[in-house]
N, C-alpha and C. Protein backbone atom coordinates (compact mmCIF):
# COMPACT_ATOMS: atom_id res chain seq x y z
N MET A 1 -9.78 96.17 36.02
CA MET A 1 -10.80 95.88 35.84
C MET A 1 -11.69 96.22 34.53
N ALA A 2 -12.31 96.31 33.83
CA ALA A 2 -13.31 96.71 33.05
C ALA A 2 -14.55 97.07 33.43
N ALA A 3 -15.59 98.16 33.03
CA ALA A 3 -16.65 98.90 33.57
C ALA A 3 -16.92 98.97 31.55
N ARG A 4 -18.15 98.11 32.03
CA ARG A 4 -19.26 98.97 31.27
C ARG A 4 -20.66 100.08 31.20
N SER A 5 -21.02 100.84 30.00
CA SER A 5 -21.90 102.05 31.04
C SER A 5 -23.42 100.90 29.99
N ALA A 6 -24.21 100.93 30.98
CA ALA A 6 -25.20 100.56 30.92
C ALA A 6 -26.58 101.26 29.53
N ARG A 7 -26.49 102.35 29.28
CA ARG A 7 -27.04 103.00 28.67
C ARG A 7 -26.07 102.42 27.28
N THR A 8 -24.94 102.48 27.29
CA THR A 8 -24.21 102.50 25.47
C THR A 8 -24.23 100.94 25.32
N GLY A 9 -23.50 100.53 26.57
CA GLY A 9 -23.17 99.23 25.73
C GLY A 9 -21.76 99.27 25.85
N ARG A 10 -20.67 100.14 26.29
CA ARG A 10 -19.38 100.35 25.78
C ARG A 10 -18.70 100.12 27.19
N PHE A 11 -16.99 100.01 26.92
CA PHE A 11 -16.44 100.16 27.86
C PHE A 11 -16.00 101.99 27.93
N VAL A 12 -16.09 102.09 29.31
CA VAL A 12 -15.53 103.13 30.14
C VAL A 12 -14.28 103.18 31.47
N THR A 13 -13.93 104.23 30.82
CA THR A 13 -12.91 104.11 32.17
C THR A 13 -13.43 104.00 33.31
N ASN A 14 -12.26 103.74 34.62
CA ASN A 14 -12.67 103.24 35.55
C ASN A 14 -13.21 104.43 36.38
N LYS A 15 -12.02 105.93 35.67
CA LYS A 15 -12.70 107.13 36.17
C LYS A 15 -14.48 107.26 35.66
N THR A 16 -15.17 107.46 34.96
CA THR A 16 -16.23 106.90 34.29
C THR A 16 -17.24 106.41 35.45
N ALA A 17 -16.84 105.26 35.79
CA ALA A 17 -17.18 104.26 36.17
C ALA A 17 -17.57 105.20 37.44
N ALA A 18 -16.12 105.05 38.14
CA ALA A 18 -16.77 106.01 39.35
C ALA A 18 -17.45 107.44 40.03
N LYS A 19 -17.54 107.94 38.56
CA LYS A 19 -18.39 109.16 38.69
C LYS A 19 -20.03 108.66 38.43
N ASN A 20 -19.99 107.41 37.86
CA ASN A 20 -21.71 106.73 37.56
C ASN A 20 -21.82 106.15 37.78
N PRO A 21 -21.90 105.52 39.17
CA PRO A 21 -22.07 104.02 39.38
C PRO A 21 -23.55 103.39 39.50
N ARG A 22 -24.21 104.10 39.20
CA ARG A 22 -25.80 103.60 38.95
C ARG A 22 -26.13 103.35 37.62
N THR A 23 -24.84 103.36 36.17
CA THR A 23 -25.20 103.33 34.90
C THR A 23 -23.75 102.68 34.83
N THR A 24 -23.02 102.16 35.26
CA THR A 24 -21.85 101.66 35.14
C THR A 24 -22.11 100.05 35.87
N VAL A 25 -21.28 98.97 34.71
CA VAL A 25 -21.25 98.15 36.01
C VAL A 25 -19.10 97.22 35.64
N THR A 26 -19.24 96.94 36.47
CA THR A 26 -18.05 96.74 36.61
C THR A 26 -18.03 95.49 36.25
N ILE A 27 -16.64 95.35 35.52
CA ILE A 27 -17.06 93.77 35.06
C ILE A 27 -16.24 92.54 35.54
N SER A 28 -15.63 91.91 36.34
CA SER A 28 -15.08 91.07 36.53
C SER A 28 -14.36 89.68 35.77
N ASN A 29 -13.16 88.87 34.83
CA ASN A 29 -13.70 88.01 33.84
C ASN A 29 -13.25 87.23 35.23
N GLY A 30 -14.31 85.66 34.42
CA GLY A 30 -14.45 84.66 35.36
C GLY A 30 -15.71 84.14 35.24
N SER A 31 -16.56 85.44 34.94
CA SER A 31 -18.17 84.69 35.14
C SER A 31 -18.79 83.77 34.25
N LYS A 32 -19.19 82.83 34.17
CA LYS A 32 -20.19 82.34 33.14
C LYS A 32 -21.48 82.46 32.93
N ALA A 33 -21.94 83.02 34.03
CA ALA A 33 -23.03 83.33 34.29
C ALA A 33 -24.03 83.62 32.79
N ASN A 34 -24.72 84.00 32.80
CA ASN A 34 -25.74 83.99 31.94
C ASN A 34 -27.24 84.31 32.37
N GLY A 35 -27.13 86.20 31.94
CA GLY A 35 -28.68 86.89 31.86
C GLY A 35 -28.66 88.44 32.04
N TYR A 36 -29.12 89.13 32.88
CA TYR A 36 -29.47 89.65 32.85
C TYR A 36 -29.16 90.82 34.42
N ARG A 37 -28.20 91.57 34.49
CA ARG A 37 -27.24 92.76 35.58
C ARG A 37 -27.82 93.62 35.21
N SER A 38 -28.37 93.85 37.13
CA SER A 38 -28.94 95.20 37.44
C SER A 38 -27.88 96.17 37.18
N THR A 39 -27.37 97.24 37.14
CA THR A 39 -26.16 98.41 37.25
C THR A 39 -26.11 98.77 38.71
N ILE A 40 -27.60 99.18 38.84
CA ILE A 40 -27.82 99.55 40.82
C ILE A 40 -27.38 98.91 41.25
N THR A 41 -27.70 97.51 41.69
CA THR A 41 -28.09 96.23 42.83
C THR A 41 -26.72 95.68 42.17
N GLY A 42 -26.31 95.13 40.98
CA GLY A 42 -25.34 93.88 40.94
C GLY A 42 -26.33 92.58 40.55
N ARG A 43 -26.99 92.75 41.12
CA ARG A 43 -28.07 91.42 41.24
C ARG A 43 -28.68 91.25 39.31
N PHE A 44 -28.80 90.01 39.27
CA PHE A 44 -29.16 89.20 38.23
C PHE A 44 -30.71 89.72 38.36
N VAL A 45 -31.28 89.63 37.54
CA VAL A 45 -32.89 90.26 36.91
C VAL A 45 -33.58 89.45 35.86
N GLN A 46 -34.09 89.10 36.15
CA GLN A 46 -35.25 88.21 34.69
C GLN A 46 -35.16 89.52 33.66
N PRO A 47 -35.16 88.88 32.25
CA PRO A 47 -35.67 89.30 31.39
C PRO A 47 -36.70 90.12 31.31
N SER A 48 -37.66 90.22 31.50
CA SER A 48 -39.35 91.07 31.54
C SER A 48 -38.76 92.40 32.19
N THR A 49 -37.61 92.12 32.92
CA THR A 49 -37.21 93.30 33.84
C THR A 49 -36.19 94.36 32.91
N ALA A 50 -35.48 93.78 33.09
CA ALA A 50 -34.11 94.24 32.38
C ALA A 50 -34.80 94.84 30.81
N GLN A 51 -36.34 94.29 30.10
CA GLN A 51 -36.65 95.20 29.10
C GLN A 51 -37.43 95.87 30.00
N ARG A 52 -38.30 96.37 30.93
CA ARG A 52 -38.75 97.89 31.56
C ARG A 52 -37.92 99.00 31.92
N HIS A 53 -36.46 97.71 32.35
CA HIS A 53 -35.13 99.21 31.97
C HIS A 53 -34.26 98.87 31.93
N PRO A 54 -34.34 99.21 30.45
CA PRO A 54 -32.87 98.76 29.73
C PRO A 54 -31.70 100.02 29.95
N ASP A 55 -32.03 101.33 30.51
CA ASP A 55 -30.91 101.89 31.17
C ASP A 55 -29.92 101.25 32.53
N THR A 56 -30.60 100.71 33.20
CA THR A 56 -30.14 100.12 34.21
C THR A 56 -29.86 98.93 34.37
N THR A 57 -29.72 98.12 33.14
CA THR A 57 -29.56 96.72 33.27
C THR A 57 -28.66 96.92 31.69
N ILE A 58 -27.73 95.08 32.12
CA ILE A 58 -26.88 95.52 31.39
C ILE A 58 -26.67 94.04 30.59
N PRO A 59 -26.59 92.63 29.85
CA PRO A 59 -26.66 92.01 29.89
C PRO A 59 -24.92 91.10 29.90
N GLN A 60 -25.18 90.16 30.44
CA GLN A 60 -24.15 89.40 31.36
C GLN A 60 -23.86 87.89 30.42
N GLY A 61 -22.78 88.03 30.17
CA GLY A 61 -22.43 86.71 29.76
C GLY A 61 -23.51 86.23 28.08
N GLY A 62 -24.07 85.44 27.66
CA GLY A 62 -24.08 85.17 25.97
C GLY A 62 -25.68 85.84 26.27
N ALA A 63 -25.86 86.60 26.91
CA ALA A 63 -27.74 87.41 26.93
C ALA A 63 -27.55 88.19 26.22
N ALA A 64 -29.04 88.25 25.82
CA ALA A 64 -29.02 89.50 24.72
C ALA A 64 -29.89 89.09 23.39
């Protein structure tokens, strides 16, 4: 599975994701959902929440 950093938006290794679980999100193919996801909880959040917390949220799907 791929992992992406919430801070840089770049893909990172699985080892880096394991070391920094609060600021990385593991991505699985198959989700068609659009929006923003919290890297801490893994839940979808509102766009206003994503703007307030850009270091711990990541766009998912066609968001951004």
